[in-house]
Amino acid sequence: MNNQFSGRIENPQVIEQLIADKNSNKLFIFGANWCPDAMNLLQKLNDTSAKKILNYQFIIYFVDVEKYSINMEIYKSFGIEAIEGIPRVFFG
């Protein structure tokens, strides 16, 4: 399976713009490649039937948090403080 969490540092302003854009449904998934729960969620999301439904309904964004060292400030865009614990899923 493809590793979806790329190690890329996201721009919080871009994420906020994506959230503000109400023209499409968005799913933001925070995780990391080292996390068994995040990888299990990816496996479930990559199931053919789940993928068909989700891709029809949502634009999906995978946000890597590495060892809680990157992209943690983006949680504030969803109205919560940066806290450990992944995977986390937000709808935008």
N, C-alpha and C. Protein backbone atom coordinates (compact mmCIF):
# COMPACT_ATOMS: atom_id res chain seq x y z
N MET A 1 0.84 -1.18 0.00
CA MET A 1 0.00 0.00 0.00
C MET A 1 0.88 1.24 0.00
N ASN A 2 0.40 2.26 -0.65
CA ASN A 2 1.10 3.55 -0.69
C ASN A 2 1.10 4.20 0.68
N ASN A 3 2.22 4.75 1.08
CA ASN A 3 2.24 5.57 2.28
C ASN A 3 1.68 6.93 1.93
N GLN A 4 0.61 7.29 2.57
CA GLN A 4 -0.06 8.55 2.26
C GLN A 4 0.52 9.73 3.02
N PHE A 5 1.20 9.46 4.13
CA PHE A 5 1.74 10.55 4.94
C PHE A 5 3.15 10.84 4.47
N SER A 6 3.32 11.97 3.82
CA SER A 6 4.50 12.23 3.00
C SER A 6 5.66 12.92 3.71
N GLY A 7 5.43 13.44 4.91
CA GLY A 7 6.48 14.21 5.58
C GLY A 7 6.50 15.66 5.16
N ARG A 8 5.55 16.05 4.31
CA ARG A 8 5.50 17.43 3.81
C ARG A 8 4.96 18.35 4.90
N ILE A 9 5.56 19.52 5.01
CA ILE A 9 5.08 20.54 5.92
C ILE A 9 4.01 21.35 5.19
N GLU A 10 2.81 21.39 5.78
CA GLU A 10 1.68 22.08 5.16
C GLU A 10 1.65 23.54 5.59
N ASN A 11 1.09 24.36 4.75
CA ASN A 11 0.91 25.77 5.05
C ASN A 11 -0.45 25.94 5.75
N PRO A 12 -0.47 26.37 7.02
CA PRO A 12 -1.75 26.50 7.73
C PRO A 12 -2.75 27.42 7.04
N GLN A 13 -2.26 28.47 6.39
CA GLN A 13 -3.17 29.39 5.69
C GLN A 13 -3.86 28.68 4.52
N VAL A 14 -3.15 27.80 3.86
CA VAL A 14 -3.75 27.04 2.74
C VAL A 14 -4.83 26.12 3.29
N ILE A 15 -4.56 25.47 4.40
CA ILE A 15 -5.56 24.58 5.01
C ILE A 15 -6.80 25.39 5.41
N GLU A 16 -6.59 26.57 5.99
CA GLU A 16 -7.72 27.41 6.38
C GLU A 16 -8.54 27.83 5.16
N GLN A 17 -7.88 28.11 4.05
CA GLN A 17 -8.59 28.46 2.82
C GLN A 17 -9.41 27.26 2.32
N LEU A 18 -8.83 26.07 2.41
CA LEU A 18 -9.55 24.87 2.00
C LEU A 18 -10.79 24.65 2.86
N ILE A 19 -10.64 24.86 4.17
CA ILE A 19 -11.77 24.71 5.08
C ILE A 19 -12.86 25.73 4.76
N ALA A 20 -12.46 26.96 4.47
CA ALA A 20 -13.41 28.04 4.20
C ALA A 20 -14.16 27.84 2.88
N ASP A 21 -13.55 27.15 1.94
CA ASP A 21 -14.18 26.91 0.64
C ASP A 21 -15.28 25.87 0.80
N LYS A 22 -16.51 26.30 0.68
CA LYS A 22 -17.66 25.42 0.90
C LYS A 22 -18.17 24.77 -0.39
N ASN A 23 -17.39 24.87 -1.47
CA ASN A 23 -17.82 24.30 -2.75
C ASN A 23 -17.62 22.80 -2.84
N SER A 24 -16.92 22.21 -1.88
CA SER A 24 -16.73 20.76 -1.88
C SER A 24 -16.57 20.28 -0.45
N ASN A 25 -16.88 19.00 -0.25
CA ASN A 25 -16.68 18.37 1.04
C ASN A 25 -15.25 17.88 1.14
N LYS A 26 -14.62 18.17 2.26
CA LYS A 26 -13.23 17.78 2.44
C LYS A 26 -13.08 16.93 3.68
N LEU A 27 -12.14 15.99 3.61
CA LEU A 27 -11.81 15.12 4.72
C LEU A 27 -10.32 15.27 4.97
N PHE A 28 -9.95 15.71 6.17
CA PHE A 28 -8.55 15.89 6.54
C PHE A 28 -8.18 14.78 7.50
N ILE A 29 -7.18 14.01 7.14
CA ILE A 29 -6.76 12.88 7.96
C ILE A 29 -5.34 13.14 8.42
N PHE A 30 -5.18 13.29 9.74
CA PHE A 30 -3.87 13.51 10.35
C PHE A 30 -3.34 12.16 10.82
N GLY A 31 -2.08 11.89 10.47
CA GLY A 31 -1.48 10.62 10.87
C GLY A 31 0.01 10.61 10.59
N ALA A 32 0.58 9.41 10.66
CA ALA A 32 2.01 9.23 10.39
C ALA A 32 2.25 7.78 9.99
N ASN A 33 3.29 7.56 9.21
CA ASN A 33 3.58 6.21 8.72
C ASN A 33 4.02 5.25 9.82
N TRP A 34 4.48 5.75 10.95
CA TRP A 34 4.93 4.88 12.04
C TRP A 34 3.77 4.40 12.91
N CYS A 35 2.59 5.01 12.77
CA CYS A 35 1.46 4.74 13.66
C CYS A 35 0.61 3.58 13.14
N PRO A 36 0.51 2.48 13.89
CA PRO A 36 -0.30 1.35 13.42
C PRO A 36 -1.77 1.71 13.22
N ASP A 37 -2.32 2.56 14.08
CA ASP A 37 -3.73 2.93 13.93
C ASP A 37 -3.96 3.76 12.67
N ALA A 38 -3.03 4.68 12.38
CA ALA A 38 -3.15 5.48 11.16
C ALA A 38 -3.00 4.60 9.92
N MET A 39 -2.08 3.66 9.97
CA MET A 39 -1.89 2.77 8.82
C MET A 39 -3.09 1.84 8.65
N ASN A 40 -3.70 1.42 9.75
CA ASN A 40 -4.90 0.60 9.67
C ASN A 40 -6.05 1.39 9.05
N LEU A 41 -6.19 2.65 9.44
CA LEU A 41 -7.21 3.50 8.84
C LEU A 41 -6.97 3.65 7.34
N LEU A 42 -5.72 3.87 6.94
CA LEU A 42 -5.40 3.98 5.51
C LEU A 42 -5.80 2.72 4.76
N GLN A 43 -5.53 1.58 5.37
CA GLN A 43 -5.88 0.31 4.74
C GLN A 43 -7.39 0.23 4.53
N LYS A 44 -8.15 0.62 5.53
CA LYS A 44 -9.62 0.61 5.42
C LYS A 44 -10.09 1.60 4.36
N LEU A 45 -9.48 2.78 4.32
CA LEU A 45 -9.87 3.79 3.33
C LEU A 45 -9.53 3.37 1.91
N ASN A 46 -8.52 2.53 1.77
CA ASN A 46 -8.11 2.06 0.45
C ASN A 46 -8.90 0.84 -0.02
N ASP A 47 -9.80 0.35 0.82
CA ASP A 47 -10.69 -0.72 0.41
C ASP A 47 -11.52 -0.22 -0.78
N THR A 48 -11.72 -1.07 -1.77
CA THR A 48 -12.37 -0.66 -3.01
C THR A 48 -13.73 0.00 -2.78
N SER A 49 -14.58 -0.61 -1.95
CA SER A 49 -15.92 -0.04 -1.77
C SER A 49 -15.86 1.27 -0.98
N ALA A 50 -15.01 1.33 0.04
CA ALA A 50 -14.88 2.58 0.81
C ALA A 50 -14.31 3.68 -0.06
N LYS A 51 -13.31 3.34 -0.85
CA LYS A 51 -12.67 4.32 -1.72
C LYS A 51 -13.66 4.92 -2.72
N LYS A 52 -14.51 4.06 -3.26
CA LYS A 52 -15.49 4.53 -4.24
C LYS A 52 -16.45 5.54 -3.61
N ILE A 53 -16.92 5.25 -2.42
CA ILE A 53 -17.85 6.15 -1.73
C ILE A 53 -17.16 7.43 -1.32
N LEU A 54 -16.00 7.31 -0.68
CA LEU A 54 -15.29 8.49 -0.18
C LEU A 54 -14.85 9.41 -1.31
N ASN A 55 -14.29 8.83 -2.36
CA ASN A 55 -13.83 9.67 -3.47
C ASN A 55 -14.98 10.37 -4.18
N TYR A 56 -16.16 9.81 -4.12
CA TYR A 56 -17.34 10.45 -4.71
C TYR A 56 -17.82 11.61 -3.84
N GLN A 57 -17.70 11.46 -2.52
CA GLN A 57 -18.24 12.43 -1.58
C GLN A 57 -17.26 13.49 -1.11
N PHE A 58 -15.95 13.17 -1.10
CA PHE A 58 -14.97 14.03 -0.45
C PHE A 58 -13.71 14.21 -1.28
N ILE A 59 -13.05 15.33 -1.05
CA ILE A 59 -11.65 15.49 -1.43
C ILE A 59 -10.88 15.18 -0.17
N ILE A 60 -9.94 14.24 -0.25
CA ILE A 60 -9.25 13.77 0.94
C ILE A 60 -7.84 14.35 0.98
N TYR A 61 -7.49 14.89 2.14
CA TYR A 61 -6.16 15.45 2.37
C TYR A 61 -5.51 14.68 3.52
N PHE A 62 -4.33 14.15 3.27
CA PHE A 62 -3.56 13.46 4.30
C PHE A 62 -2.52 14.42 4.85
N VAL A 63 -2.53 14.61 6.17
CA VAL A 63 -1.61 15.55 6.81
C VAL A 63 -0.70 14.76 7.75
N ASP A 64 0.58 14.78 7.45
CA ASP A 64 1.57 14.05 8.24
C ASP A 64 1.95 14.87 9.47
N VAL A 65 2.00 14.21 10.63
CA VAL A 65 2.46 14.89 11.85
C VAL A 65 3.83 14.36 12.29
N GLU A 66 4.39 13.43 11.52
CA GLU A 66 5.65 12.76 11.89
C GLU A 66 5.58 12.33 13.35
N LYS A 67 6.54 12.67 14.16
CA LYS A 67 6.53 12.33 15.60
C LYS A 67 5.97 13.51 16.39
N TYR A 68 4.84 14.03 15.92
CA TYR A 68 4.21 15.24 16.48
C TYR A 68 5.14 16.44 16.39
N SER A 69 5.94 16.45 15.32
CA SER A 69 6.92 17.52 15.15
C SER A 69 6.59 18.46 13.99
N ILE A 70 5.62 18.10 13.16
CA ILE A 70 5.23 18.99 12.05
C ILE A 70 3.70 19.05 11.97
N ASN A 71 3.22 20.13 11.43
CA ASN A 71 1.81 20.34 11.11
C ASN A 71 0.87 20.33 12.31
N MET A 72 1.39 20.38 13.50
CA MET A 72 0.53 20.34 14.69
C MET A 72 -0.29 21.63 14.85
N GLU A 73 0.25 22.76 14.36
CA GLU A 73 -0.48 24.02 14.50
C GLU A 73 -1.76 24.03 13.66
N ILE A 74 -1.88 23.11 12.72
CA ILE A 74 -3.07 23.07 11.86
C ILE A 74 -4.30 22.65 12.66
N TYR A 75 -4.12 21.95 13.76
CA TYR A 75 -5.27 21.60 14.59
C TYR A 75 -6.07 22.84 14.97
N LYS A 76 -5.39 23.95 15.18
CA LYS A 76 -6.07 25.19 15.57
C LYS A 76 -7.06 25.64 14.50
N SER A 77 -6.81 25.28 13.24
CA SER A 77 -7.73 25.62 12.16
C SER A 77 -9.08 24.92 12.34
N PHE A 78 -9.08 23.84 13.12
CA PHE A 78 -10.31 23.09 13.38
C PHE A 78 -10.87 23.40 14.77
N GLY A 79 -10.27 24.39 15.44
CA GLY A 79 -10.78 24.84 16.72
C GLY A 79 -10.33 24.04 17.92
N ILE A 80 -9.25 23.27 17.80
CA ILE A 80 -8.74 22.54 18.96
C ILE A 80 -7.25 22.81 19.11
N GLU A 81 -6.76 22.61 20.31
CA GLU A 81 -5.32 22.77 20.56
C GLU A 81 -4.58 21.56 20.01
N ALA A 82 -3.30 21.77 19.73
CA ALA A 82 -2.45 20.69 19.24
C ALA A 82 -2.28 19.67 20.35
N ILE A 83 -2.74 18.46 20.08
CA ILE A 83 -2.62 17.37 21.04
C ILE A 83 -2.15 16.12 20.32
N GLU A 84 -1.49 15.25 21.05
CA GLU A 84 -1.03 14.01 20.47
C GLU A 84 -2.20 13.03 20.36
N GLY A 85 -2.00 12.05 19.53
CA GLY A 85 -3.02 11.05 19.31
C GLY A 85 -3.47 11.06 17.86
N ILE A 86 -3.13 10.03 17.14
CA ILE A 86 -3.52 9.91 15.74
C ILE A 86 -4.01 8.50 15.49
N PRO A 87 -4.78 8.29 14.48
CA PRO A 87 -5.21 9.25 13.47
C PRO A 87 -6.31 10.16 14.01
N ARG A 88 -6.40 11.32 13.41
CA ARG A 88 -7.48 12.27 13.68
C ARG A 88 -8.09 12.64 12.33
N VAL A 89 -9.39 12.71 12.32
CA VAL A 89 -10.11 13.00 11.08
C VAL A 89 -11.01 14.20 11.32
N PHE A 90 -10.93 15.15 10.40
CA PHE A 90 -11.76 16.36 10.46
C PHE A 90 -12.47 16.53 9.12
N PHE A 91 -13.69 17.01 9.19
CA PHE A 91 -14.45 17.34 7.98
C PHE A 91 -14.38 18.85 7.79
N GLY A 92 -14.19 19.25 6.56
CA GLY A 92 -14.12 20.68 6.28
C GLY A 92 -15.00 21.06 5.15
